[in-house]
Structures are given as C-alpha cells and as structure tokens.
Amino acid sequence: MGRKIVLLILLGLQTALAGAQETANERQARRIFNQAYNMVFGEQGATLHYDVNIVGVYKTSGTIWYKGKKQKFIDEKVNTWNDGKTAYMAFRKKKEVHIHQANSDKKDKYSSKFKFELDDFDYSIAEDENMLLVTLKQKKKAKGTVKIVKAWLKRGSYEPVKLRIKVAFIWTSVSISNFKSGGIGDDIFIFPRNQYKDWKFIDKRND
C-alpha cells in the first residue's frame, strides 16, 4: 500500500501545470512542483526509500525505482517489477507471482482512493522546518478523493523529504529518504524470471 501511495502522489506531478489568474505565491508553488517533477520523472529516472504511517494504525516501508511508465518496488511483503507493459508481483511468503497489466488498478485495492488531478487544487508555498512546504487544497467542485496534499522539499534542490495526504478525514504521512535522481538503467525493471522458476505463477491480466 505504501509504495502505491507514494507513487500516485509523485505521478500526479505529471499532470499539466497550467492555470489562469494565479497569484505570485501559487505560480511559485507550481513552478517548484514542476522542477520537482523534472528531477523525479525525467528521462534519467529516480529512486527513493519511503516510510508510511496511516494515523498510527498502519505502517510500512520500502524502496521505489521508476523511470517513465516503468517501476520497481521492494517492500515488506512483495517485490514488484513493471516494465511498462506487464507487472509482476512476487509475494515472498506465499511464493506466488501475480501477473497484471501494467496500468491495472487491481494490483492494489487502495489505488482508486488516491487519484486526483493537479488542476483540482489551489496551491500555496511557505517555509517550514527549514524546508519549503507546498500545500495543495482541493477546490470546492473537485471530485477527487484527495482533499489536501502537503509536500516538504529541500531548499534549493527541491528534493522531496516528507508528504502528508488527507483522504476524507484520514491523514497519511510519508517520510522519504535516500532520494537519487539519475543513473537508473532499464534493466532494473525487467522481471528476473529465472529467480522464481519454482514459484507459482497466477495470471490476472484478464480478470
């Protein structure tokens, strides 16, 4: 779940950053988000470690690599490879590999709860904890499930450090570390089938 939350929030940056009649503060917030996008989703790829805390009840952690539509995740229960066409989820305890379409929401039951468009929000930027805090607040007529996004970024580099996301009345906190932009090769997203030849394969692409 944690990897999906982080990925969906970061992928949201790929939405067009356009708007009319913005204040100077909002233009700055969008400009900084755009620079963060280029660092995270540029052709060079990126990786980061995350720790997720949902109101103190659910906690998880893991590492993400991504490059365009390609992703790789390692968390406490599963290793996932997504080459942009097919996703392979290797559940270590069960020794099962589930195969999905790359863009299928069925890979994670929480995915639909964290969908939004950046144009659904009003933006602002401030200083907090010696970092930049970019806040997205949902507009009144927006239909997305995410109500508020708070993103703490390093001053100067705009590297992501922490996220807080509000869905309905529930807050999710994501701490980000070991962020690296660039130097991500394509081979890392290829499923190493030979390492799992004795595991059970379950094809869910037509479910």
C-alpha atoms as a PDB file:
ATOM      1  CA  MET A   1       0.000   0.000   0.000  1.00  0.00           C
ATOM      2  CA  GLY A   2       2.744   2.435   0.955  1.00  0.00           C
ATOM      3  CA  ARG A   3       4.524   2.178  -2.374  1.00  0.00           C
ATOM      4  CA  LYS A   4       1.251   2.898  -4.206  1.00  0.00           C
ATOM      5  CA  ILE A   5       0.512   5.977  -2.130  1.00  0.00           C
ATOM      6  CA  VAL A   6       3.928   7.441  -2.798  1.00  0.00           C
ATOM      7  CA  LEU A   7       3.863   6.601  -6.480  1.00  0.00           C
ATOM      8  CA  LEU A   8       0.393   8.043  -7.053  1.00  0.00           C
ATOM      9  CA  ILE A   9       1.290  11.299  -5.342  1.00  0.00           C
ATOM     10  CA  LEU A  10       4.507  11.640  -7.314  1.00  0.00           C
ATOM     11  CA  LEU A  11       2.889  10.592 -10.585  1.00  0.00           C
ATOM     12  CA  GLY A  12       0.374  13.350 -10.030  1.00  0.00           C
ATOM     13  CA  LEU A  13       3.173  15.756 -10.822  1.00  0.00           C
ATOM     14  CA  GLN A  14       2.983  14.593 -14.442  1.00  0.00           C
ATOM     15  CA  THR A  15      -0.330  16.440 -14.875  1.00  0.00           C
ATOM     16  CA  ALA A  16      -0.014  19.685 -16.845  1.00  0.00           C
ATOM     17  CA  LEU A  17       0.937  22.564 -14.539  1.00  0.00           C
ATOM     18  CA  ALA A  18      -1.202  25.234 -16.186  1.00  0.00           C
ATOM     19  CA  GLY A  19      -3.628  27.755 -14.755  1.00  0.00           C
ATOM     20  CA  ALA A  20      -5.043  31.225 -15.190  1.00  0.00           C
ATOM     21  CA  GLN A  21      -5.219  34.178 -12.799  1.00  0.00           C
ATOM     22  CA  GLU A  22      -2.804  32.621 -10.323  1.00  0.00           C
ATOM     23  CA  THR A  23      -1.269  34.615  -7.504  1.00  0.00           C
ATOM     24  CA  ALA A  24       2.503  35.048  -7.327  1.00  0.00           C
ATOM     25  CA  ASN A  25       2.601  32.563  -4.441  1.00  0.00           C
ATOM     26  CA  GLU A  26       0.639  29.964  -6.422  1.00  0.00           C
ATOM     27  CA  ARG A  27       2.818  30.435  -9.507  1.00  0.00           C
ATOM     28  CA  GLN A  28       5.886  29.857  -7.361  1.00  0.00           C
ATOM     29  CA  ALA A  29       4.348  26.724  -5.845  1.00  0.00           C
ATOM     30  CA  ARG A  30       3.527  25.305  -9.264  1.00  0.00           C
ATOM     31  CA  ARG A  31       6.966  26.217 -10.622  1.00  0.00           C
ATOM     32  CA  ILE A  32       8.671  24.379  -7.781  1.00  0.00           C
ATOM     33  CA  PHE A  33       6.420  21.351  -8.304  1.00  0.00           C
ATOM     34  CA  ASN A  34       7.407  21.424 -11.957  1.00  0.00           C
ATOM     35  CA  GLN A  35      11.083  21.403 -11.057  1.00  0.00           C
ATOM     36  CA  ALA A  36      10.495  18.517  -8.655  1.00  0.00           C
ATOM     37  CA  TYR A  37       8.736  16.677 -11.490  1.00  0.00           C
ATOM     38  CA  ASN A  38      11.725  17.091 -13.798  1.00  0.00           C
ATOM     39  CA  MET A  39      14.004  15.689 -11.118  1.00  0.00           C
ATOM     40  CA  VAL A  40      11.724  12.772 -10.303  1.00  0.00           C
ATOM     41  CA  PHE A  41      10.254  11.855 -13.690  1.00  0.00           C
ATOM     42  CA  GLY A  42      12.886  12.946 -16.169  1.00  0.00           C
ATOM     43  CA  GLU A  43      14.439  10.500 -18.595  1.00  0.00           C
ATOM     44  CA  GLN A  44      17.203   9.852 -16.066  1.00  0.00           C
ATOM     45  CA  GLY A  45      14.806   8.082 -13.653  1.00  0.00           C
ATOM     46  CA  ALA A  46      14.898   8.197  -9.852  1.00  0.00           C
ATOM     47  CA  THR A  47      14.755   6.103  -6.688  1.00  0.00           C
ATOM     48  CA  LEU A  48      13.805   6.678  -3.041  1.00  0.00           C
ATOM     49  CA  HIS A  49      13.083   4.910   0.246  1.00  0.00           C
ATOM     50  CA  TYR A  50       9.754   5.571   1.991  1.00  0.00           C
ATOM     51  CA  ASP A  51       8.189   5.039   5.423  1.00  0.00           C
ATOM     52  CA  VAL A  52       4.387   5.259   5.548  1.00  0.00           C
ATOM     53  CA  ASN A  53       2.259   5.896   8.627  1.00  0.00           C
ATOM     54  CA  ILE A  54      -1.557   5.966   8.402  1.00  0.00           C
ATOM     55  CA  VAL A  55      -2.874   7.606  11.596  1.00  0.00           C
ATOM     56  CA  GLY A  56      -0.566   5.399  13.644  1.00  0.00           C
ATOM     57  CA  VAL A  57      -2.567   2.278  12.775  1.00  0.00           C
ATOM     58  CA  TYR A  58      -0.829   1.005   9.640  1.00  0.00           C
ATOM     59  CA  LYS A  59       2.882   1.350   8.972  1.00  0.00           C
ATOM     60  CA  THR A  60       5.054   0.060   6.146  1.00  0.00           C
ATOM     61  CA  SER A  61       8.277   0.880   4.342  1.00  0.00           C
ATOM     62  CA  GLY A  62      10.052   0.090   1.107  1.00  0.00           C
ATOM     63  CA  THR A  63      12.091   1.299  -1.849  1.00  0.00           C
ATOM     64  CA  ILE A  64      10.910   2.501  -5.271  1.00  0.00           C
ATOM     65  CA  TRP A  65      12.696   2.845  -8.601  1.00  0.00           C
ATOM     66  CA  TYR A  66      10.880   4.456 -11.506  1.00  0.00           C
ATOM     67  CA  LYS A  67      11.556   5.772 -14.962  1.00  0.00           C
ATOM     68  CA  GLY A  68       8.647   6.969 -17.073  1.00  0.00           C
ATOM     69  CA  LYS A  69       5.993   4.221 -17.004  1.00  0.00           C
ATOM     70  CA  LYS A  70       8.422   1.674 -15.593  1.00  0.00           C
ATOM     71  CA  GLN A  71       8.577   0.902 -11.885  1.00  0.00           C
ATOM     72  CA  LYS A  72      10.159  -1.452  -9.390  1.00  0.00           C
ATOM     73  CA  PHE A  73       9.153  -1.799  -5.723  1.00  0.00           C
ATOM     74  CA  ILE A  74      10.510  -3.698  -2.770  1.00  0.00           C
ATOM     75  CA  ASP A  75       8.536  -3.595   0.471  1.00  0.00           C
ATOM     76  CA  GLU A  76       7.954  -5.817   3.493  1.00  0.00           C
ATOM     77  CA  LYS A  77       5.863  -8.413   1.644  1.00  0.00           C
ATOM     78  CA  VAL A  78       6.324  -8.186  -2.114  1.00  0.00           C
ATOM     79  CA  ASN A  79       8.808  -7.431  -4.874  1.00  0.00           C
ATOM     80  CA  THR A  80       7.278  -5.844  -7.984  1.00  0.00           C
ATOM     81  CA  TRP A  81       8.632  -5.259 -11.487  1.00  0.00           C
ATOM     82  CA  ASN A  82       6.713  -3.205 -14.045  1.00  0.00           C
ATOM     83  CA  ASP A  83       8.306  -2.831 -17.486  1.00  0.00           C
ATOM     84  CA  GLY A  84       5.563  -0.525 -18.767  1.00  0.00           C
ATOM     85  CA  LYS A  85       3.533  -3.357 -20.302  1.00  0.00           C
ATOM     86  CA  THR A  86       3.364  -6.094 -17.690  1.00  0.00           C
ATOM     87  CA  ALA A  87       3.630  -6.039 -13.887  1.00  0.00           C
ATOM     88  CA  TYR A  88       4.986  -8.978 -11.881  1.00  0.00           C
ATOM     89  CA  MET A  89       4.299  -9.112  -8.132  1.00  0.00           C
ATOM     90  CA  ALA A  90       6.350 -11.694  -6.215  1.00  0.00           C
ATOM     91  CA  PHE A  91       4.795 -12.390  -2.796  1.00  0.00           C
ATOM     92  CA  ARG A  92       7.635 -13.818  -0.743  1.00  0.00           C
ATOM     93  CA  LYS A  93       5.638 -15.576   1.998  1.00  0.00           C
ATOM     94  CA  LYS A  94       3.308 -17.400  -0.403  1.00  0.00           C
ATOM     95  CA  LYS A  95       5.980 -17.897  -3.076  1.00  0.00           C
ATOM     96  CA  GLU A  96       3.495 -16.703  -5.681  1.00  0.00           C
ATOM     97  CA  VAL A  97       3.996 -14.389  -8.643  1.00  0.00           C
ATOM     98  CA  HIS A  98       0.902 -12.483  -9.765  1.00  0.00           C
ATOM     99  CA  ILE A  99       0.915 -11.079 -13.302  1.00  0.00           C
ATOM    100  CA  HIS A 100      -1.092  -7.918 -14.120  1.00  0.00           C
ATOM    101  CA  GLN A 101      -1.480  -5.411 -16.898  1.00  0.00           C
ATOM    102  CA  ALA A 102       0.967  -2.603 -16.164  1.00  0.00           C
ATOM    103  CA  ASN A 103      -1.719   0.054 -15.655  1.00  0.00           C
ATOM    104  CA  SER A 104      -4.305  -2.101 -13.839  1.00  0.00           C
ATOM    105  CA  ASP A 105      -5.708  -0.727 -10.576  1.00  0.00           C
ATOM    106  CA  LYS A 106      -6.275  -4.323  -9.482  1.00  0.00           C
ATOM    107  CA  LYS A 107      -2.625  -4.551  -8.494  1.00  0.00           C
ATOM    108  CA  ASP A 108      -3.526  -2.555  -5.376  1.00  0.00           C
ATOM    109  CA  LYS A 109      -7.008  -2.197  -3.860  1.00  0.00           C
ATOM    110  CA  TYR A 110      -6.135   1.243  -2.455  1.00  0.00           C
ATOM    111  CA  SER A 111      -5.176   2.823  -5.772  1.00  0.00           C
ATOM    112  CA  SER A 112      -8.606   4.308  -6.519  1.00  0.00           C
ATOM    113  CA  LYS A 113      -8.616   6.068  -3.157  1.00  0.00           C
ATOM    114  CA  PHE A 114      -5.631   8.250  -4.052  1.00  0.00           C
ATOM    115  CA  LYS A 115      -6.493   9.503  -7.527  1.00  0.00           C
ATOM    116  CA  PHE A 116      -6.547  13.211  -8.279  1.00  0.00           C
ATOM    117  CA  GLU A 117      -5.703  15.858 -10.857  1.00  0.00           C
ATOM    118  CA  LEU A 118      -3.425  18.755 -10.002  1.00  0.00           C
ATOM    119  CA  ASP A 119      -5.844  21.259 -11.509  1.00  0.00           C
ATOM    120  CA  ASP A 120      -8.314  20.230  -8.776  1.00  0.00           C
ATOM    121  CA  PHE A 121      -6.281  22.178  -6.205  1.00  0.00           C
ATOM    122  CA  ASP A 122      -5.307  25.636  -5.057  1.00  0.00           C
ATOM    123  CA  TYR A 123      -1.586  25.961  -4.343  1.00  0.00           C
ATOM    124  CA  SER A 124       0.500  27.798  -1.802  1.00  0.00           C
ATOM    125  CA  ILE A 125       4.100  27.726  -0.617  1.00  0.00           C
ATOM    126  CA  ALA A 126       5.708  28.654   2.696  1.00  0.00           C
ATOM    127  CA  GLU A 127       8.785  27.926   4.787  1.00  0.00           C
ATOM    128  CA  ASP A 128       8.603  25.250   7.475  1.00  0.00           C
ATOM    129  CA  GLU A 129      11.219  23.261   9.396  1.00  0.00           C
ATOM    130  CA  ASN A 130      13.981  24.900   7.329  1.00  0.00           C
ATOM    131  CA  MET A 131      12.311  23.446   4.233  1.00  0.00           C
ATOM    132  CA  LEU A 132       9.810  24.571   1.623  1.00  0.00           C
ATOM    133  CA  LEU A 133       6.238  23.466   2.269  1.00  0.00           C
ATOM    134  CA  VAL A 134       3.987  23.266  -0.800  1.00  0.00           C
ATOM    135  CA  THR A 135       0.306  22.819   0.078  1.00  0.00           C
ATOM    136  CA  LEU A 136      -2.437  21.670  -2.300  1.00  0.00           C
ATOM    137  CA  LYS A 137      -6.027  22.192  -1.130  1.00  0.00           C
ATOM    138  CA  GLN A 138      -8.901  20.736  -3.104  1.00  0.00           C
ATOM    139  CA  LYS A 139     -11.237  23.193  -4.818  1.00  0.00           C
ATOM    140  CA  LYS A 140     -14.927  23.081  -3.886  1.00  0.00           C
ATOM    141  CA  LYS A 141     -16.187  21.492  -7.106  1.00  0.00           C
ATOM    142  CA  ALA A 142     -13.347  18.988  -7.488  1.00  0.00           C
ATOM    143  CA  LYS A 143     -14.348  15.306  -7.499  1.00  0.00           C
ATOM    144  CA  GLY A 144     -11.073  13.658  -6.474  1.00  0.00           C
ATOM    145  CA  THR A 145     -10.730  11.715  -3.231  1.00  0.00           C
ATOM    146  CA  VAL A 146      -7.599  13.543  -2.054  1.00  0.00           C
ATOM    147  CA  LYS A 147      -8.525  16.665  -0.070  1.00  0.00           C
ATOM    148  CA  ILE A 148      -5.125  18.054   0.941  1.00  0.00           C
ATOM    149  CA  VAL A 149      -1.513  17.340  -0.005  1.00  0.00           C
ATOM    150  CA  LYS A 150       1.401  18.810   1.933  1.00  0.00           C
ATOM    151  CA  ALA A 151       4.877  18.323   0.457  1.00  0.00           C
ATOM    152  CA  TRP A 152       8.073  19.268   2.284  1.00  0.00           C
ATOM    153  CA  LEU A 153      11.001  19.870  -0.099  1.00  0.00           C
ATOM    154  CA  LYS A 154      14.659  20.635   0.489  1.00  0.00           C
ATOM    155  CA  ARG A 155      15.512  24.254  -0.069  1.00  0.00           C
ATOM    156  CA  GLY A 156      17.490  24.816  -3.258  1.00  0.00           C
ATOM    157  CA  SER A 157      17.362  21.257  -4.612  1.00  0.00           C
ATOM    158  CA  TYR A 158      13.586  20.705  -4.133  1.00  0.00           C
ATOM    159  CA  GLU A 159      14.171  17.055  -3.272  1.00  0.00           C
ATOM    160  CA  PRO A 160      11.090  15.511  -1.571  1.00  0.00           C
ATOM    161  CA  VAL A 161      11.514  14.875   2.153  1.00  0.00           C
ATOM    162  CA  LYS A 162       8.019  14.322   3.544  1.00  0.00           C
ATOM    163  CA  LEU A 163       4.400  14.114   2.383  1.00  0.00           C
ATOM    164  CA  ARG A 164       1.087  14.317   4.226  1.00  0.00           C
ATOM    165  CA  ILE A 165      -2.062  13.344   2.314  1.00  0.00           C
ATOM    166  CA  LYS A 166      -5.629  13.731   3.552  1.00  0.00           C
ATOM    167  CA  VAL A 167      -8.347  11.465   2.146  1.00  0.00           C
ATOM    168  CA  ALA A 168     -11.734  12.151   3.759  1.00  0.00           C
ATOM    169  CA  PHE A 169     -10.794  12.505   7.453  1.00  0.00           C
ATOM    170  CA  ILE A 170      -7.738  10.246   7.336  1.00  0.00           C
ATOM    171  CA  TRP A 171      -4.182  11.557   7.193  1.00  0.00           C
ATOM    172  CA  THR A 172      -1.329   9.518   5.710  1.00  0.00           C
ATOM    173  CA  SER A 173       2.286  10.525   6.393  1.00  0.00           C
ATOM    174  CA  VAL A 174       5.162   9.519   4.109  1.00  0.00           C
ATOM    175  CA  SER A 175       8.802  10.096   5.043  1.00  0.00           C
ATOM    176  CA  ILE A 176      11.226   9.990   2.107  1.00  0.00           C
ATOM    177  CA  SER A 177      14.954   9.263   2.286  1.00  0.00           C
ATOM    178  CA  ASN A 178      17.841   8.096   0.089  1.00  0.00           C
ATOM    179  CA  PHE A 179      16.453  10.060  -2.837  1.00  0.00           C
ATOM    180  CA  LYS A 180      18.522   9.863  -6.008  1.00  0.00           C
ATOM    181  CA  SER A 181      17.755  11.353  -9.400  1.00  0.00           C
ATOM    182  CA  GLY A 182      19.527   9.916 -12.444  1.00  0.00           C
ATOM    183  CA  GLY A 183      21.595   6.861 -13.227  1.00  0.00           C
ATOM    184  CA  ILE A 184      18.599   4.480 -13.395  1.00  0.00           C
ATOM    185  CA  GLY A 185      19.080   1.860 -16.129  1.00  0.00           C
ATOM    186  CA  ASP A 186      16.268  -0.014 -17.883  1.00  0.00           C
ATOM    187  CA  ASP A 187      17.470  -3.483 -16.848  1.00  0.00           C
ATOM    188  CA  ILE A 188      16.308  -2.983 -13.261  1.00  0.00           C
ATOM    189  CA  PHE A 189      12.653  -3.078 -14.398  1.00  0.00           C
ATOM    190  CA  ILE A 190      12.906  -6.474 -16.124  1.00  0.00           C
ATOM    191  CA  PHE A 191      11.377  -9.337 -14.138  1.00  0.00           C
ATOM    192  CA  PRO A 192      14.129 -11.926 -13.297  1.00  0.00           C
ATOM    193  CA  ARG A 193      12.037 -14.978 -14.135  1.00  0.00           C
ATOM    194  CA  ASN A 194      14.888 -17.442 -13.552  1.00  0.00           C
ATOM    195  CA  GLN A 195      14.970 -16.479  -9.867  1.00  0.00           C
ATOM    196  CA  TYR A 196      11.331 -17.530  -9.467  1.00  0.00           C
ATOM    197  CA  LYS A 197      11.105 -20.640 -11.646  1.00  0.00           C
ATOM    198  CA  ASP A 198       9.981 -22.808  -8.688  1.00  0.00           C
ATOM    199  CA  TRP A 199       7.236 -20.360  -7.615  1.00  0.00           C
ATOM    200  CA  LYS A 200       3.546 -20.494  -8.517  1.00  0.00           C
ATOM    201  CA  PHE A 201       2.532 -18.071 -11.301  1.00  0.00           C
ATOM    202  CA  ILE A 202      -1.005 -16.627 -11.363  1.00  0.00           C
ATOM    203  CA  ASP A 203      -2.002 -14.635 -14.454  1.00  0.00           C
ATOM    204  CA  LYS A 204      -4.533 -11.914 -13.575  1.00  0.00           C
ATOM    205  CA  ARG A 205      -4.328  -9.905 -16.802  1.00  0.00           C
ATOM    206  CA  ASN A 206      -7.793 -10.975 -17.922  1.00  0.00           C
ATOM    207  CA  ASP A 207      -9.524 -10.693 -14.550  1.00  0.00           C
END
